[in-house]
Amino acid sequence: MEIELPKVGKIAEFTPEQIKEYIRYVATMRHNQRRWFNQKNVDALNLSKKMENELDDFNTRLLNPVPTLFD
């Protein structure tokens, strides 16, 4: 099951359903990180790294205080 981050441009545009998707994504990432630390499962490590990078990019874009001229 592939979980994706919600498609949101600004923090004010978050709907309750998108907030639930975001929380589900973070919970899945944390679950895979725990799997790596507990079982040393390489697949869990790769998935958690991928999800962490996507989450970092999403948060950076979402919380960027600099306004953008072109979207």
PDB file of N, CA and C in Angstrom:
ATOM      1  N   MET A   1       0.842  -1.176   0.000  1.00  0.00           N
ATOM      2  CA  MET A   1       0.000   0.000   0.000  1.00  0.00           C
ATOM      3  C   MET A   1       0.888   1.241   0.000  1.00  0.00           C
ATOM      4  N   GLU A   2       0.763   2.030  -1.013  1.00  0.00           N
ATOM      5  CA  GLU A   2       1.563   3.249  -1.147  1.00  0.00           C
ATOM      6  C   GLU A   2       0.784   4.432  -0.577  1.00  0.00           C
ATOM      7  N   ILE A   3       1.371   5.123   0.378  1.00  0.00           N
ATOM      8  CA  ILE A   3       0.747   6.294   0.976  1.00  0.00           C
ATOM      9  C   ILE A   3       1.441   7.519   0.403  1.00  0.00           C
ATOM     10  N   GLU A   4       0.648   8.506  -0.010  1.00  0.00           N
ATOM     11  CA  GLU A   4       1.204   9.719  -0.594  1.00  0.00           C
ATOM     12  C   GLU A   4       0.857  10.921   0.270  1.00  0.00           C
ATOM     13  N   LEU A   5       1.699  11.929   0.159  1.00  0.00           N
ATOM     14  CA  LEU A   5       1.429  13.185   0.838  1.00  0.00           C
ATOM     15  C   LEU A   5       0.299  13.909   0.118  1.00  0.00           C
ATOM     16  N   PRO A   6      -0.487  14.682   0.846  1.00  0.00           N
ATOM     17  CA  PRO A   6      -1.562  15.427   0.191  1.00  0.00           C
ATOM     18  C   PRO A   6      -0.992  16.499  -0.738  1.00  0.00           C
ATOM     19  N   LYS A   7      -1.752  16.830  -1.757  1.00  0.00           N
ATOM     20  CA  LYS A   7      -1.349  17.865  -2.713  1.00  0.00           C
ATOM     21  C   LYS A   7      -1.879  19.210  -2.217  1.00  0.00           C
ATOM     22  N   VAL A   8      -1.027  19.931  -1.476  1.00  0.00           N
ATOM     23  CA  VAL A   8      -1.413  21.207  -0.890  1.00  0.00           C
ATOM     24  C   VAL A   8      -0.322  22.215  -1.196  1.00  0.00           C
ATOM     25  N   GLY A   9      -0.716  23.412  -1.589  1.00  0.00           N
ATOM     26  CA  GLY A   9       0.263  24.449  -1.891  1.00  0.00           C
ATOM     27  C   GLY A   9       0.578  25.332  -0.694  1.00  0.00           C
ATOM     28  N   LYS A  10      -0.439  25.619   0.115  1.00  0.00           N
ATOM     29  CA  LYS A  10      -0.263  26.502   1.263  1.00  0.00           C
ATOM     30  C   LYS A  10      -0.884  25.865   2.489  1.00  0.00           C
ATOM     31  N   ILE A  11      -0.361  26.213   3.643  1.00  0.00           N
ATOM     32  CA  ILE A  11      -0.844  25.616   4.882  1.00  0.00           C
ATOM     33  C   ILE A  11      -2.305  25.969   5.133  1.00  0.00           C
ATOM     34  N   ALA A  12      -2.749  27.125   4.674  1.00  0.00           N
ATOM     35  CA  ALA A  12      -4.140  27.542   4.873  1.00  0.00           C
ATOM     36  C   ALA A  12      -5.109  26.724   4.029  1.00  0.00           C
ATOM     37  N   GLU A  13      -4.604  26.008   3.011  1.00  0.00           N
ATOM     38  CA  GLU A  13      -5.454  25.228   2.121  1.00  0.00           C
ATOM     39  C   GLU A  13      -5.714  23.813   2.624  1.00  0.00           C
ATOM     40  N   PHE A  14      -5.139  23.429   3.753  1.00  0.00           N
ATOM     41  CA  PHE A  14      -5.317  22.086   4.293  1.00  0.00           C
ATOM     42  C   PHE A  14      -6.778  21.840   4.660  1.00  0.00           C
ATOM     43  N   THR A  15      -7.324  20.734   4.210  1.00  0.00           N
ATOM     44  CA  THR A  15      -8.654  20.298   4.628  1.00  0.00           C
ATOM     45  C   THR A  15      -8.472  19.248   5.728  1.00  0.00           C
ATOM     46  N   PRO A  16      -9.517  18.975   6.507  1.00  0.00           N
ATOM     47  CA  PRO A  16      -9.378  17.937   7.539  1.00  0.00           C
ATOM     48  C   PRO A  16      -8.945  16.581   6.973  1.00  0.00           C
ATOM     49  N   GLU A  17      -9.434  16.217   5.802  1.00  0.00           N
ATOM     50  CA  GLU A  17      -9.040  14.946   5.188  1.00  0.00           C
ATOM     51  C   GLU A  17      -7.555  14.952   4.822  1.00  0.00           C
ATOM     52  N   GLN A  18      -7.048  16.068   4.334  1.00  0.00           N
ATOM     53  CA  GLN A  18      -5.627  16.165   3.980  1.00  0.00           C
ATOM     54  C   GLN A  18      -4.746  16.124   5.220  1.00  0.00           C
ATOM     55  N   ILE A  19      -5.236  16.682   6.314  1.00  0.00           N
ATOM     56  CA  ILE A  19      -4.489  16.609   7.570  1.00  0.00           C
ATOM     57  C   ILE A  19      -4.386  15.148   8.022  1.00  0.00           C
ATOM     58  N   LYS A  20      -5.479  14.389   7.864  1.00  0.00           N
ATOM     59  CA  LYS A  20      -5.454  12.967   8.203  1.00  0.00           C
ATOM     60  C   LYS A  20      -4.465  12.216   7.313  1.00  0.00           C
ATOM     61  N   GLU A  21      -4.415  12.547   6.023  1.00  0.00           N
ATOM     62  CA  GLU A  21      -3.457  11.916   5.106  1.00  0.00           C
ATOM     63  C   GLU A  21      -2.027  12.208   5.538  1.00  0.00           C
ATOM     64  N   TYR A  22      -1.780  13.463   5.912  1.00  0.00           N
ATOM     65  CA  TYR A  22      -0.449  13.880   6.361  1.00  0.00           C
ATOM     66  C   TYR A  22      -0.037  13.093   7.610  1.00  0.00           C
ATOM     67  N   ILE A  23      -0.941  12.987   8.566  1.00  0.00           N
ATOM     68  CA  ILE A  23      -0.652  12.256   9.807  1.00  0.00           C
ATOM     69  C   ILE A  23      -0.415  10.782   9.504  1.00  0.00           C
ATOM     70  N   ARG A  24      -1.210  10.190   8.609  1.00  0.00           N
ATOM     71  CA  ARG A  24      -1.044   8.796   8.217  1.00  0.00           C
ATOM     72  C   ARG A  24       0.331   8.586   7.575  1.00  0.00           C
ATOM     73  N   TYR A  25       0.750   9.543   6.750  1.00  0.00           N
ATOM     74  CA  TYR A  25       2.051   9.455   6.084  1.00  0.00           C
ATOM     75  C   TYR A  25       3.181   9.464   7.119  1.00  0.00           C
ATOM     76  N   VAL A  26       3.112  10.400   8.063  1.00  0.00           N
ATOM     77  CA  VAL A  26       4.148  10.498   9.096  1.00  0.00           C
ATOM     78  C   VAL A  26       4.156   9.239   9.962  1.00  0.00           C
ATOM     79  N   ALA A  27       2.982   8.719  10.290  1.00  0.00           N
ATOM     80  CA  ALA A  27       2.910   7.499  11.106  1.00  0.00           C
ATOM     81  C   ALA A  27       3.528   6.313  10.368  1.00  0.00           C
ATOM     82  N   THR A  28       3.280   6.206   9.072  1.00  0.00           N
ATOM     83  CA  THR A  28       3.856   5.119   8.280  1.00  0.00           C
ATOM     84  C   THR A  28       5.376   5.245   8.202  1.00  0.00           C
ATOM     85  N   MET A  29       5.857   6.471   8.027  1.00  0.00           N
ATOM     86  CA  MET A  29       7.301   6.701   7.987  1.00  0.00           C
ATOM     87  C   MET A  29       7.934   6.282   9.319  1.00  0.00           C
ATOM     88  N   ARG A  30       7.335   6.698  10.428  1.00  0.00           N
ATOM     89  CA  ARG A  30       7.866   6.355  11.748  1.00  0.00           C
ATOM     90  C   ARG A  30       7.825   4.840  11.986  1.00  0.00           C
ATOM     91  N   HIS A  31       6.764   4.192  11.503  1.00  0.00           N
ATOM     92  CA  HIS A  31       6.660   2.741  11.620  1.00  0.00           C
ATOM     93  C   HIS A  31       7.831   2.062  10.903  1.00  0.00           C
ATOM     94  N   ASN A  32       8.153   2.521   9.692  1.00  0.00           N
ATOM     95  CA  ASN A  32       9.262   1.938   8.941  1.00  0.00           C
ATOM     96  C   ASN A  32      10.606   2.236   9.592  1.00  0.00           C
ATOM     97  N   GLN A  33      10.729   3.393  10.219  1.00  0.00           N
ATOM     98  CA  GLN A  33      11.965   3.687  10.947  1.00  0.00           C
ATOM     99  C   GLN A  33      12.118   2.734  12.137  1.00  0.00           C
ATOM    100  N   ARG A  34      11.034   2.479  12.846  1.00  0.00           N
ATOM    101  CA  ARG A  34      11.096   1.531  13.975  1.00  0.00           C
ATOM    102  C   ARG A  34      11.414   0.129  13.485  1.00  0.00           C
ATOM    103  N   ARG A  35      10.835  -0.267  12.339  1.00  0.00           N
ATOM    104  CA  ARG A  35      11.143  -1.585  11.764  1.00  0.00           C
ATOM    105  C   ARG A  35      12.628  -1.698  11.470  1.00  0.00           C
ATOM    106  N   TRP A  36      13.222  -0.631  10.946  1.00  0.00           N
ATOM    107  CA  TRP A  36      14.649  -0.670  10.648  1.00  0.00           C
ATOM    108  C   TRP A  36      15.460  -0.839  11.924  1.00  0.00           C
ATOM    109  N   PHE A  37      15.150  -0.035  12.937  1.00  0.00           N
ATOM    110  CA  PHE A  37      15.924  -0.102  14.173  1.00  0.00           C
ATOM    111  C   PHE A  37      15.728  -1.430  14.899  1.00  0.00           C
ATOM    112  N   ASN A  38      14.555  -2.006  14.828  1.00  0.00           N
ATOM    113  CA  ASN A  38      14.282  -3.263  15.526  1.00  0.00           C
ATOM    114  C   ASN A  38      14.746  -4.488  14.757  1.00  0.00           C
ATOM    115  N   GLN A  39      14.549  -4.506  13.437  1.00  0.00           N
ATOM    116  CA  GLN A  39      14.789  -5.708  12.647  1.00  0.00           C
ATOM    117  C   GLN A  39      15.948  -5.581  11.652  1.00  0.00           C
ATOM    118  N   LYS A  40      16.462  -4.379  11.474  1.00  0.00           N
ATOM    119  CA  LYS A  40      17.514  -4.111  10.472  1.00  0.00           C
ATOM    120  C   LYS A  40      17.061  -4.563   9.077  1.00  0.00           C
ATOM    121  N   ASN A  41      15.788  -4.301   8.781  1.00  0.00           N
ATOM    122  CA  ASN A  41      15.188  -4.640   7.498  1.00  0.00           C
ATOM    123  C   ASN A  41      15.568  -3.555   6.483  1.00  0.00           C
ATOM    124  N   VAL A  42      16.334  -3.928   5.460  1.00  0.00           N
ATOM    125  CA  VAL A  42      16.841  -2.963   4.480  1.00  0.00           C
ATOM    126  C   VAL A  42      15.710  -2.307   3.700  1.00  0.00           C
ATOM    127  N   ASP A  43      14.660  -3.064   3.395  1.00  0.00           N
ATOM    128  CA  ASP A  43      13.520  -2.491   2.678  1.00  0.00           C
ATOM    129  C   ASP A  43      12.858  -1.388   3.507  1.00  0.00           C
ATOM    130  N   ALA A  44      12.736  -1.610   4.801  1.00  0.00           N
ATOM    131  CA  ALA A  44      12.156  -0.605   5.686  1.00  0.00           C
ATOM    132  C   ALA A  44      13.045   0.633   5.740  1.00  0.00           C
ATOM    133  N   LEU A  45      14.358   0.435   5.746  1.00  0.00           N
ATOM    134  CA  LEU A  45      15.283   1.569   5.758  1.00  0.00           C
ATOM    135  C   LEU A  45      15.143   2.396   4.494  1.00  0.00           C
ATOM    136  N   ASN A  46      15.129   1.748   3.339  1.00  0.00           N
ATOM    137  CA  ASN A  46      15.018   2.471   2.069  1.00  0.00           C
ATOM    138  C   ASN A  46      13.694   3.217   1.971  1.00  0.00           C
ATOM    139  N   LEU A  47      12.613   2.572   2.388  1.00  0.00           N
ATOM    140  CA  LEU A  47      11.306   3.218   2.333  1.00  0.00           C
ATOM    141  C   LEU A  47      11.241   4.398   3.288  1.00  0.00           C
ATOM    142  N   SER A  48      11.769   4.240   4.499  1.00  0.00           N
ATOM    143  CA  SER A  48      11.716   5.340   5.457  1.00  0.00           C
ATOM    144  C   SER A  48      12.582   6.512   5.011  1.00  0.00           C
ATOM    145  N   LYS A  49      13.732   6.240   4.378  1.00  0.00           N
ATOM    146  CA  LYS A  49      14.568   7.329   3.848  1.00  0.00           C
ATOM    147  C   LYS A  49      13.846   8.083   2.739  1.00  0.00           C
ATOM    148  N   LYS A  50      13.204   7.332   1.839  1.00  0.00           N
ATOM    149  CA  LYS A  50      12.456   7.945   0.740  1.00  0.00           C
ATOM    150  C   LYS A  50      11.326   8.815   1.289  1.00  0.00           C
ATOM    151  N   MET A  51      10.586   8.264   2.244  1.00  0.00           N
ATOM    152  CA  MET A  51       9.465   9.004   2.818  1.00  0.00           C
ATOM    153  C   MET A  51       9.947  10.225   3.591  1.00  0.00           C
ATOM    154  N   GLU A  52      11.061  10.096   4.295  1.00  0.00           N
ATOM    155  CA  GLU A  52      11.595  11.222   5.058  1.00  0.00           C
ATOM    156  C   GLU A  52      12.017  12.358   4.130  1.00  0.00           C
ATOM    157  N   ASN A  53      12.664  12.021   3.013  1.00  0.00           N
ATOM    158  CA  ASN A  53      13.051  13.052   2.046  1.00  0.00           C
ATOM    159  C   ASN A  53      11.832  13.741   1.451  1.00  0.00           C
ATOM    160  N   GLU A  54      10.801  12.956   1.096  1.00  0.00           N
ATOM    161  CA  GLU A  54       9.581  13.542   0.556  1.00  0.00           C
ATOM    162  C   GLU A  54       8.912  14.447   1.589  1.00  0.00           C
ATOM    163  N   LEU A  55       8.891  14.013   2.840  1.00  0.00           N
ATOM    164  CA  LEU A  55       8.279  14.803   3.903  1.00  0.00           C
ATOM    165  C   LEU A  55       9.064  16.092   4.144  1.00  0.00           C
ATOM    166  N   ASP A  56      10.380  16.016   4.138  1.00  0.00           N
ATOM    167  CA  ASP A  56      11.203  17.215   4.303  1.00  0.00           C
ATOM    168  C   ASP A  56      10.939  18.219   3.185  1.00  0.00           C
ATOM    169  N   ASP A  57      10.884  17.739   1.944  1.00  0.00           N
ATOM    170  CA  ASP A  57      10.605  18.615   0.808  1.00  0.00           C
ATOM    171  C   ASP A  57       9.223  19.241   0.927  1.00  0.00           C
ATOM    172  N   PHE A  58       8.246  18.432   1.310  1.00  0.00           N
ATOM    173  CA  PHE A  58       6.870  18.913   1.468  1.00  0.00           C
ATOM    174  C   PHE A  58       6.802  19.993   2.546  1.00  0.00           C
ATOM    175  N   ASN A  59       7.402  19.726   3.713  1.00  0.00           N
ATOM    176  CA  ASN A  59       7.372  20.695   4.806  1.00  0.00           C
ATOM    177  C   ASN A  59       8.099  21.979   4.442  1.00  0.00           C
ATOM    178  N   THR A  60       9.209  21.859   3.743  1.00  0.00           N
ATOM    179  CA  THR A  60       9.947  23.048   3.318  1.00  0.00           C
ATOM    180  C   THR A  60       9.100  23.899   2.388  1.00  0.00           C
ATOM    181  N   ARG A  61       8.455  23.249   1.428  1.00  0.00           N
ATOM    182  CA  ARG A  61       7.610  23.975   0.477  1.00  0.00           C
ATOM    183  C   ARG A  61       6.386  24.573   1.176  1.00  0.00           C
ATOM    184  N   LEU A  62       5.805  23.824   2.091  1.00  0.00           N
ATOM    185  CA  LEU A  62       4.592  24.250   2.784  1.00  0.00           C
ATOM    186  C   LEU A  62       4.854  25.402   3.745  1.00  0.00           C
ATOM    187  N   LEU A  63       5.966  25.352   4.432  1.00  0.00           N
ATOM    188  CA  LEU A  63       6.259  26.338   5.473  1.00  0.00           C
ATOM    189  C   LEU A  63       7.189  27.455   5.008  1.00  0.00           C
ATOM    190  N   ASN A  64       7.486  27.509   3.718  1.00  0.00           N
ATOM    191  CA  ASN A  64       8.384  28.525   3.179  1.00  0.00           C
ATOM    192  C   ASN A  64       7.760  29.909   3.343  1.00  0.00           C
ATOM    193  N   PRO A  65       8.407  30.809   4.101  1.00  0.00           N
ATOM    194  CA  PRO A  65       7.843  32.133   4.308  1.00  0.00           C
ATOM    195  C   PRO A  65       8.034  33.070   3.118  1.00  0.00           C
ATOM    196  N   VAL A  66       8.867  32.688   2.181  1.00  0.00           N
ATOM    197  CA  VAL A  66       9.129  33.532   1.016  1.00  0.00           C
ATOM    198  C   VAL A  66       8.022  33.320  -0.013  1.00  0.00           C
ATOM    199  N   PRO A  67       7.315  34.382  -0.397  1.00  0.00           N
ATOM    200  CA  PRO A  67       6.254  34.201  -1.391  1.00  0.00           C
ATOM    201  C   PRO A  67       6.819  33.859  -2.760  1.00  0.00           C
ATOM    202  N   THR A  68       6.082  33.082  -3.509  1.00  0.00           N
ATOM    203  CA  THR A  68       6.506  32.721  -4.860  1.00  0.00           C
ATOM    204  C   THR A  68       5.733  33.541  -5.862  1.00  0.00           C
ATOM    205  N   LEU A  69       6.417  33.934  -6.931  1.00  0.00           N
ATOM    206  CA  LEU A  69       5.768  34.721  -7.974  1.00  0.00           C
ATOM    207  C   LEU A  69       5.017  33.833  -8.949  1.00  0.00           C
ATOM    208  N   PHE A  70       5.589  32.672  -9.234  1.00  0.00           N
ATOM    209  CA  PHE A  70       4.992  31.771 -10.219  1.00  0.00           C
ATOM    210  C   PHE A  70       4.840  30.401  -9.605  1.00  0.00           C
ATOM    211  N   ASP A  71       3.676  29.791  -9.776  1.00  0.00           N
ATOM    212  CA  ASP A  71       3.451  28.428  -9.283  1.00  0.00           C
ATOM    213  C   ASP A  71       3.420  27.466 -10.418  1.00  0.00           C
TER     214      ASP A  71
END
